[in-house]
Amino acid sequence: FAARKEDGSIVTWGDRYEGGDSPAVREHLCSGVVAVYSTERAFAARKGDGSIVTWGDRTEGGDSSAVREHLCSG
């Protein structure tokens, strides 16, 4: 699971292989998140600056490294 708090941070919990654990992107989820989207096993957070942060099962969208340069800003 992933929940957006009022301060714009994200808290994750649950199965670490399905997005419940987000240590690789935790520093990007501390503030500025305006929306969270999910697949069955991955998450994407849209930040106020237009950037996108993804985590979770890489085969379900959790690994966006191939398109990283397109996700840096709005």
PDB file of N, CA and C in Angstrom:
ATOM      1  N   PHE A   1       0.826  -1.186   0.000  1.00  0.00           N
ATOM      2  CA  PHE A   1       0.000   0.000   0.000  1.00  0.00           C
ATOM      3  C   PHE A   1       0.874   1.255   0.000  1.00  0.00           C
ATOM      4  N   ALA A   2       0.307   2.337  -0.442  1.00  0.00           N
ATOM      5  CA  ALA A   2       0.959   3.640  -0.398  1.00  0.00           C
ATOM      6  C   ALA A   2      -0.092   4.682  -0.055  1.00  0.00           C
ATOM      7  N   ALA A   3       0.255   5.566   0.861  1.00  0.00           N
ATOM      8  CA  ALA A   3      -0.676   6.619   1.259  1.00  0.00           C
ATOM      9  C   ALA A   3       0.020   7.966   1.202  1.00  0.00           C
ATOM     10  N   ARG A   4      -0.682   8.950   0.656  1.00  0.00           N
ATOM     11  CA  ARG A   4      -0.167  10.319   0.621  1.00  0.00           C
ATOM     12  C   ARG A   4      -0.663  11.048   1.850  1.00  0.00           C
ATOM     13  N   LYS A   5       0.257  11.649   2.568  1.00  0.00           N
ATOM     14  CA  LYS A   5      -0.096  12.412   3.760  1.00  0.00           C
ATOM     15  C   LYS A   5      -0.337  13.875   3.391  1.00  0.00           C
ATOM     16  N   GLU A   6      -0.964  14.622   4.282  1.00  0.00           N
ATOM     17  CA  GLU A   6      -1.281  16.029   4.029  1.00  0.00           C
ATOM     18  C   GLU A   6      -0.050  16.865   3.714  1.00  0.00           C
ATOM     19  N   ASP A   7       1.108  16.481   4.245  1.00  0.00           N
ATOM     20  CA  ASP A   7       2.333  17.248   4.009  1.00  0.00           C
ATOM     21  C   ASP A   7       2.989  16.919   2.666  1.00  0.00           C
ATOM     22  N   GLY A   8       2.352  16.049   1.860  1.00  0.00           N
ATOM     23  CA  GLY A   8       2.883  15.704   0.548  1.00  0.00           C
ATOM     24  C   GLY A   8       3.893  14.580   0.564  1.00  0.00           C
ATOM     25  N   SER A   9       4.060  13.916   1.684  1.00  0.00           N
ATOM     26  CA  SER A   9       4.961  12.771   1.758  1.00  0.00           C
ATOM     27  C   SER A   9       4.161  11.487   1.529  1.00  0.00           C
ATOM     28  N   ILE A  10       4.877  10.410   1.232  1.00  0.00           N
ATOM     29  CA  ILE A  10       4.257   9.111   0.994  1.00  0.00           C
ATOM     30  C   ILE A  10       4.752   8.120   2.035  1.00  0.00           C
ATOM     31  N   VAL A  11       3.829   7.331   2.556  1.00  0.00           N
ATOM     32  CA  VAL A  11       4.150   6.233   3.463  1.00  0.00           C
ATOM     33  C   VAL A  11       3.774   4.951   2.734  1.00  0.00           C
ATOM     34  N   THR A  12       4.686   3.962   2.732  1.00  0.00           N
ATOM     35  CA  THR A  12       4.403   2.687   2.080  1.00  0.00           C
ATOM     36  C   THR A  12       4.493   1.551   3.090  1.00  0.00           C
ATOM     37  N   TRP A  13       3.723   0.495   2.846  1.00  0.00           N
ATOM     38  CA  TRP A  13       3.790  -0.696   3.690  1.00  0.00           C
ATOM     39  C   TRP A  13       3.220  -1.873   2.914  1.00  0.00           C
ATOM     40  N   GLY A  14       3.561  -3.067   3.352  1.00  0.00           N
ATOM     41  CA  GLY A  14       3.080  -4.281   2.694  1.00  0.00           C
ATOM     42  C   GLY A  14       4.219  -5.055   2.071  1.00  0.00           C
ATOM     43  N   ASP A  15       3.889  -5.872   1.105  1.00  0.00           N
ATOM     44  CA  ASP A  15       4.857  -6.743   0.441  1.00  0.00           C
ATOM     45  C   ASP A  15       5.927  -5.917  -0.263  1.00  0.00           C
ATOM     46  N   ARG A  16       7.163  -6.143   0.085  1.00  0.00           N
ATOM     47  CA  ARG A  16       8.252  -5.338  -0.490  1.00  0.00           C
ATOM     48  C   ARG A  16       8.420  -5.533  -1.991  1.00  0.00           C
ATOM     49  N   TYR A  17       7.987  -6.651  -2.525  1.00  0.00           N
ATOM     50  CA  TYR A  17       8.109  -6.899  -3.958  1.00  0.00           C
ATOM     51  C   TYR A  17       6.967  -6.278  -4.757  1.00  0.00           C
ATOM     52  N   GLU A  18       5.988  -5.768  -4.066  1.00  0.00           N
ATOM     53  CA  GLU A  18       4.831  -5.193  -4.744  1.00  0.00           C
ATOM     54  C   GLU A  18       4.618  -3.731  -4.374  1.00  0.00           C
ATOM     55  N   GLY A  19       5.709  -3.043  -4.009  1.00  0.00           N
ATOM     56  CA  GLY A  19       5.635  -1.620  -3.732  1.00  0.00           C
ATOM     57  C   GLY A  19       5.453  -1.251  -2.280  1.00  0.00           C
ATOM     58  N   GLY A  20       5.369  -2.248  -1.400  1.00  0.00           N
ATOM     59  CA  GLY A  20       5.160  -1.971   0.009  1.00  0.00           C
ATOM     60  C   GLY A  20       6.399  -1.476   0.735  1.00  0.00           C
ATOM     61  N   ASP A  21       7.527  -1.577   0.093  1.00  0.00           N
ATOM     62  CA  ASP A  21       8.783  -1.121   0.672  1.00  0.00           C
ATOM     63  C   ASP A  21       9.456  -0.256  -0.393  1.00  0.00           C
ATOM     64  N   SER A  22       9.816   0.965  -0.033  1.00  0.00           N
ATOM     65  CA  SER A  22      10.313   1.906  -1.045  1.00  0.00           C
ATOM     66  C   SER A  22      11.653   2.552  -0.685  1.00  0.00           C
ATOM     67  N   PRO A  23      12.620   1.818  -0.140  1.00  0.00           N
ATOM     68  CA  PRO A  23      13.872   2.458   0.275  1.00  0.00           C
ATOM     69  C   PRO A  23      14.663   3.072  -0.879  1.00  0.00           C
ATOM     70  N   ALA A  24      14.563   2.513  -2.056  1.00  0.00           N
ATOM     71  CA  ALA A  24      15.330   3.026  -3.195  1.00  0.00           C
ATOM     72  C   ALA A  24      14.882   4.422  -3.620  1.00  0.00           C
ATOM     73  N   VAL A  25      13.641   4.776  -3.312  1.00  0.00           N
ATOM     74  CA  VAL A  25      13.112   6.086  -3.715  1.00  0.00           C
ATOM     75  C   VAL A  25      12.632   6.917  -2.529  1.00  0.00           C
ATOM     76  N   ARG A  26      12.864   6.436  -1.339  1.00  0.00           N
ATOM     77  CA  ARG A  26      12.328   7.092  -0.132  1.00  0.00           C
ATOM     78  C   ARG A  26      12.651   8.581  -0.079  1.00  0.00           C
ATOM     79  N   GLU A  27      13.867   8.964  -0.436  1.00  0.00           N
ATOM     80  CA  GLU A  27      14.244  10.376  -0.368  1.00  0.00           C
ATOM     81  C   GLU A  27      13.400  11.241  -1.307  1.00  0.00           C
ATOM     82  N   HIS A  28      12.861  10.646  -2.366  1.00  0.00           N
ATOM     83  CA  HIS A  28      12.029  11.389  -3.315  1.00  0.00           C
ATOM     84  C   HIS A  28      10.564  11.458  -2.883  1.00  0.00           C
ATOM     85  N   LEU A  29      10.227  10.697  -1.843  1.00  0.00           N
ATOM     86  CA  LEU A  29       8.840  10.632  -1.389  1.00  0.00           C
ATOM     87  C   LEU A  29       8.614  11.372  -0.079  1.00  0.00           C
ATOM     88  N   CYS A  30       9.602  12.130   0.354  1.00  0.00           N
ATOM     89  CA  CYS A  30       9.511  12.837   1.641  1.00  0.00           C
ATOM     90  C   CYS A  30       8.635  14.085   1.584  1.00  0.00           C
ATOM     91  N   SER A  31       8.461  14.642   0.391  1.00  0.00           N
ATOM     92  CA  SER A  31       7.659  15.854   0.263  1.00  0.00           C
ATOM     93  C   SER A  31       7.326  16.107  -1.197  1.00  0.00           C
ATOM     94  N   GLY A  32       6.360  16.967  -1.426  1.00  0.00           N
ATOM     95  CA  GLY A  32       6.053  17.439  -2.773  1.00  0.00           C
ATOM     96  C   GLY A  32       5.205  16.540  -3.635  1.00  0.00           C
ATOM     97  N   VAL A  33       4.729  15.415  -3.105  1.00  0.00           N
ATOM     98  CA  VAL A  33       3.905  14.511  -3.908  1.00  0.00           C
ATOM     99  C   VAL A  33       2.468  15.043  -3.939  1.00  0.00           C
ATOM    100  N   VAL A  34       1.919  15.152  -5.145  1.00  0.00           N
ATOM    101  CA  VAL A  34       0.552  15.650  -5.284  1.00  0.00           C
ATOM    102  C   VAL A  34      -0.444  14.547  -5.631  1.00  0.00           C
ATOM    103  N   ALA A  35       0.051  13.412  -6.157  1.00  0.00           N
ATOM    104  CA  ALA A  35      -0.848  12.315  -6.507  1.00  0.00           C
ATOM    105  C   ALA A  35      -0.067  11.006  -6.551  1.00  0.00           C
ATOM    106  N   VAL A  36      -0.777   9.907  -6.307  1.00  0.00           N
ATOM    107  CA  VAL A  36      -0.197   8.572  -6.369  1.00  0.00           C
ATOM    108  C   VAL A  36      -1.085   7.709  -7.257  1.00  0.00           C
ATOM    109  N   TYR A  37      -0.449   6.941  -8.145  1.00  0.00           N
ATOM    110  CA  TYR A  37      -1.154   6.045  -9.054  1.00  0.00           C
ATOM    111  C   TYR A  37      -0.588   4.649  -8.841  1.00  0.00           C
ATOM    112  N   SER A  38      -1.362   3.626  -9.176  1.00  0.00           N
ATOM    113  CA  SER A  38      -0.860   2.271  -8.962  1.00  0.00           C
ATOM    114  C   SER A  38      -1.298   1.314 -10.049  1.00  0.00           C
ATOM    115  N   THR A  39      -0.504   0.264 -10.191  1.00  0.00           N
ATOM    116  CA  THR A  39      -0.896  -0.920 -10.935  1.00  0.00           C
ATOM    117  C   THR A  39      -1.135  -1.972  -9.869  1.00  0.00           C
ATOM    118  N   GLU A  40      -1.238  -3.205 -10.255  1.00  0.00           N
ATOM    119  CA  GLU A  40      -1.460  -4.249  -9.253  1.00  0.00           C
ATOM    120  C   GLU A  40      -0.265  -4.396  -8.315  1.00  0.00           C
ATOM    121  N   ARG A  41       0.959  -4.106  -8.825  1.00  0.00           N
ATOM    122  CA  ARG A  41       2.154  -4.356  -8.024  1.00  0.00           C
ATOM    123  C   ARG A  41       3.196  -3.242  -8.065  1.00  0.00           C
ATOM    124  N   ALA A  42       2.812  -2.059  -8.495  1.00  0.00           N
ATOM    125  CA  ALA A  42       3.767  -0.949  -8.563  1.00  0.00           C
ATOM    126  C   ALA A  42       3.033   0.376  -8.364  1.00  0.00           C
ATOM    127  N   PHE A  43       3.815   1.403  -8.063  1.00  0.00           N
ATOM    128  CA  PHE A  43       3.258   2.729  -7.805  1.00  0.00           C
ATOM    129  C   PHE A  43       4.022   3.795  -8.574  1.00  0.00           C
ATOM    130  N   ALA A  44       3.349   4.897  -8.827  1.00  0.00           N
ATOM    131  CA  ALA A  44       3.965   6.084  -9.404  1.00  0.00           C
ATOM    132  C   ALA A  44       3.462   7.285  -8.619  1.00  0.00           C
ATOM    133  N   ALA A  45       4.376   8.151  -8.224  1.00  0.00           N
ATOM    134  CA  ALA A  45       4.018   9.370  -7.510  1.00  0.00           C
ATOM    135  C   ALA A  45       4.318  10.561  -8.410  1.00  0.00           C
ATOM    136  N   ARG A  46       3.334  11.438  -8.573  1.00  0.00           N
ATOM    137  CA  ARG A  46       3.539  12.672  -9.332  1.00  0.00           C
ATOM    138  C   ARG A  46       3.826  13.784  -8.338  1.00  0.00           C
ATOM    139  N   LYS A  47       4.943  14.453  -8.553  1.00  0.00           N
ATOM    140  CA  LYS A  47       5.355  15.523  -7.650  1.00  0.00           C
ATOM    141  C   LYS A  47       4.914  16.881  -8.201  1.00  0.00           C
ATOM    142  N   GLY A  48       4.921  17.869  -7.343  1.00  0.00           N
ATOM    143  CA  GLY A  48       4.476  19.203  -7.710  1.00  0.00           C
ATOM    144  C   GLY A  48       5.263  19.831  -8.847  1.00  0.00           C
ATOM    145  N   ASP A  49       6.509  19.415  -9.022  1.00  0.00           N
ATOM    146  CA  ASP A  49       7.334  19.958 -10.107  1.00  0.00           C
ATOM    147  C   ASP A  49       7.126  19.221 -11.420  1.00  0.00           C
ATOM    148  N   GLY A  50       6.204  18.242 -11.425  1.00  0.00           N
ATOM    149  CA  GLY A  50       5.911  17.486 -12.637  1.00  0.00           C
ATOM    150  C   GLY A  50       6.700  16.209 -12.788  1.00  0.00           C
ATOM    151  N   SER A  51       7.661  15.965 -11.923  1.00  0.00           N
ATOM    152  CA  SER A  51       8.454  14.744 -12.022  1.00  0.00           C
ATOM    153  C   SER A  51       7.651  13.551 -11.525  1.00  0.00           C
ATOM    154  N   ILE A  52       8.061  12.359 -11.954  1.00  0.00           N
ATOM    155  CA  ILE A  52       7.403  11.106 -11.587  1.00  0.00           C
ATOM    156  C   ILE A  52       8.422  10.201 -10.917  1.00  0.00           C
ATOM    157  N   VAL A  53       8.019   9.581  -9.815  1.00  0.00           N
ATOM    158  CA  VAL A  53       8.845   8.620  -9.093  1.00  0.00           C
ATOM    159  C   VAL A  53       8.103   7.289  -9.105  1.00  0.00           C
ATOM    160  N   THR A  54       8.788   6.202  -9.490  1.00  0.00           N
ATOM    161  CA  THR A  54       8.146   4.895  -9.528  1.00  0.00           C
ATOM    162  C   THR A  54       8.862   3.912  -8.624  1.00  0.00           C
ATOM    163  N   TRP A  55       8.118   2.934  -8.123  1.00  0.00           N
ATOM    164  CA  TRP A  55       8.699   1.864  -7.312  1.00  0.00           C
ATOM    165  C   TRP A  55       7.741   0.683  -7.306  1.00  0.00           C
ATOM    166  N   GLY A  56       8.267  -0.473  -6.922  1.00  0.00           N
ATOM    167  CA  GLY A  56       7.470  -1.699  -6.881  1.00  0.00           C
ATOM    168  C   GLY A  56       8.005  -2.709  -7.871  1.00  0.00           C
ATOM    169  N   ASP A  57       7.162  -3.638  -8.262  1.00  0.00           N
ATOM    170  CA  ASP A  57       7.538  -4.700  -9.192  1.00  0.00           C
ATOM    171  C   ASP A  57       7.935  -4.083 -10.531  1.00  0.00           C
ATOM    172  N   ARG A  58       9.164  -4.306 -10.913  1.00  0.00           N
ATOM    173  CA  ARG A  58       9.656  -3.658 -12.143  1.00  0.00           C
ATOM    174  C   ARG A  58       8.923  -4.120 -13.387  1.00  0.00           C
ATOM    175  N   THR A  59       8.364  -5.322 -13.390  1.00  0.00           N
ATOM    176  CA  THR A  59       7.624  -5.798 -14.563  1.00  0.00           C
ATOM    177  C   THR A  59       6.212  -5.226 -14.613  1.00  0.00           C
ATOM    178  N   GLU A  60       5.804  -4.555 -13.560  1.00  0.00           N
ATOM    179  CA  GLU A  60       4.461  -3.953 -13.484  1.00  0.00           C
ATOM    180  C   GLU A  60       4.524  -2.424 -13.522  1.00  0.00           C
ATOM    181  N   GLY A  61       5.684  -1.868 -13.881  1.00  0.00           N
ATOM    182  CA  GLY A  61       5.822  -0.420 -13.973  1.00  0.00           C
ATOM    183  C   GLY A  61       6.659   0.219 -12.884  1.00  0.00           C
ATOM    184  N   GLY A  62       7.195  -0.581 -11.975  1.00  0.00           N
ATOM    185  CA  GLY A  62       7.989  -0.044 -10.873  1.00  0.00           C
ATOM    186  C   GLY A  62       9.374   0.416 -11.260  1.00  0.00           C
ATOM    187  N   ASP A  63       9.848   0.005 -12.426  1.00  0.00           N
ATOM    188  CA  ASP A  63      11.173   0.413 -12.900  1.00  0.00           C
ATOM    189  C   ASP A  63      10.999   1.290 -14.139  1.00  0.00           C
ATOM    190  N   SER A  64      11.230   2.580 -13.961  1.00  0.00           N
ATOM    191  CA  SER A  64      11.070   3.512 -15.083  1.00  0.00           C
ATOM    192  C   SER A  64      12.416   4.016 -15.596  1.00  0.00           C
ATOM    193  N   SER A  65      13.482   3.286 -15.314  1.00  0.00           N
ATOM    194  CA  SER A  65      14.821   3.753 -15.684  1.00  0.00           C
ATOM    195  C   SER A  65      14.986   3.934 -17.204  1.00  0.00           C
ATOM    196  N   ALA A  66      14.270   3.185 -17.995  1.00  0.00           N
ATOM    197  CA  ALA A  66      14.389   3.311 -19.453  1.00  0.00           C
ATOM    198  C   ALA A  66      13.844   4.633 -19.978  1.00  0.00           C
ATOM    199  N   VAL A  67      12.975   5.276 -19.208  1.00  0.00           N
ATOM    200  CA  VAL A  67      12.372   6.543 -19.646  1.00  0.00           C
ATOM    201  C   VAL A  67      12.631   7.661 -18.639  1.00  0.00           C
ATOM    202  N   ARG A  68      13.607   7.473 -17.793  1.00  0.00           N
ATOM    203  CA  ARG A  68      13.888   8.426 -16.710  1.00  0.00           C
ATOM    204  C   ARG A  68      13.989   9.877 -17.189  1.00  0.00           C
ATOM    205  N   GLU A  69      14.654  10.111 -18.302  1.00  0.00           N
ATOM    206  CA  GLU A  69      14.824  11.492 -18.775  1.00  0.00           C
ATOM    207  C   GLU A  69      13.503  12.162 -19.136  1.00  0.00           C
ATOM    208  N   HIS A  70      12.479  11.375 -19.401  1.00  0.00           N
ATOM    209  CA  HIS A  70      11.158  11.924 -19.734  1.00  0.00           C
ATOM    210  C   HIS A  70      10.305  12.184 -18.499  1.00  0.00           C
ATOM    211  N   LEU A  71      10.763  11.725 -17.335  1.00  0.00           N
ATOM    212  CA  LEU A  71       9.978  11.829 -16.119  1.00  0.00           C
ATOM    213  C   LEU A  71      10.535  12.866 -15.139  1.00  0.00           C
ATOM    214  N   CYS A  72      11.499  13.647 -15.576  1.00  0.00           N
ATOM    215  CA  CYS A  72      12.173  14.585 -14.672  1.00  0.00           C
ATOM    216  C   CYS A  72      11.347  15.814 -14.348  1.00  0.00           C
ATOM    217  N   SER A  73      10.508  16.246 -15.256  1.00  0.00           N
ATOM    218  CA  SER A  73       9.699  17.444 -14.992  1.00  0.00           C
ATOM    219  C   SER A  73       8.475  17.437 -15.880  1.00  0.00           C
ATOM    220  N   GLY A  74       7.541  18.359 -15.575  1.00  0.00           N
ATOM    221  CA  GLY A  74       6.277  18.436 -16.294  1.00  0.00           C
ATOM    222  C   GLY A  74       6.435  18.838 -17.693  1.00  0.00           C
TER     223      GLY A  74
END
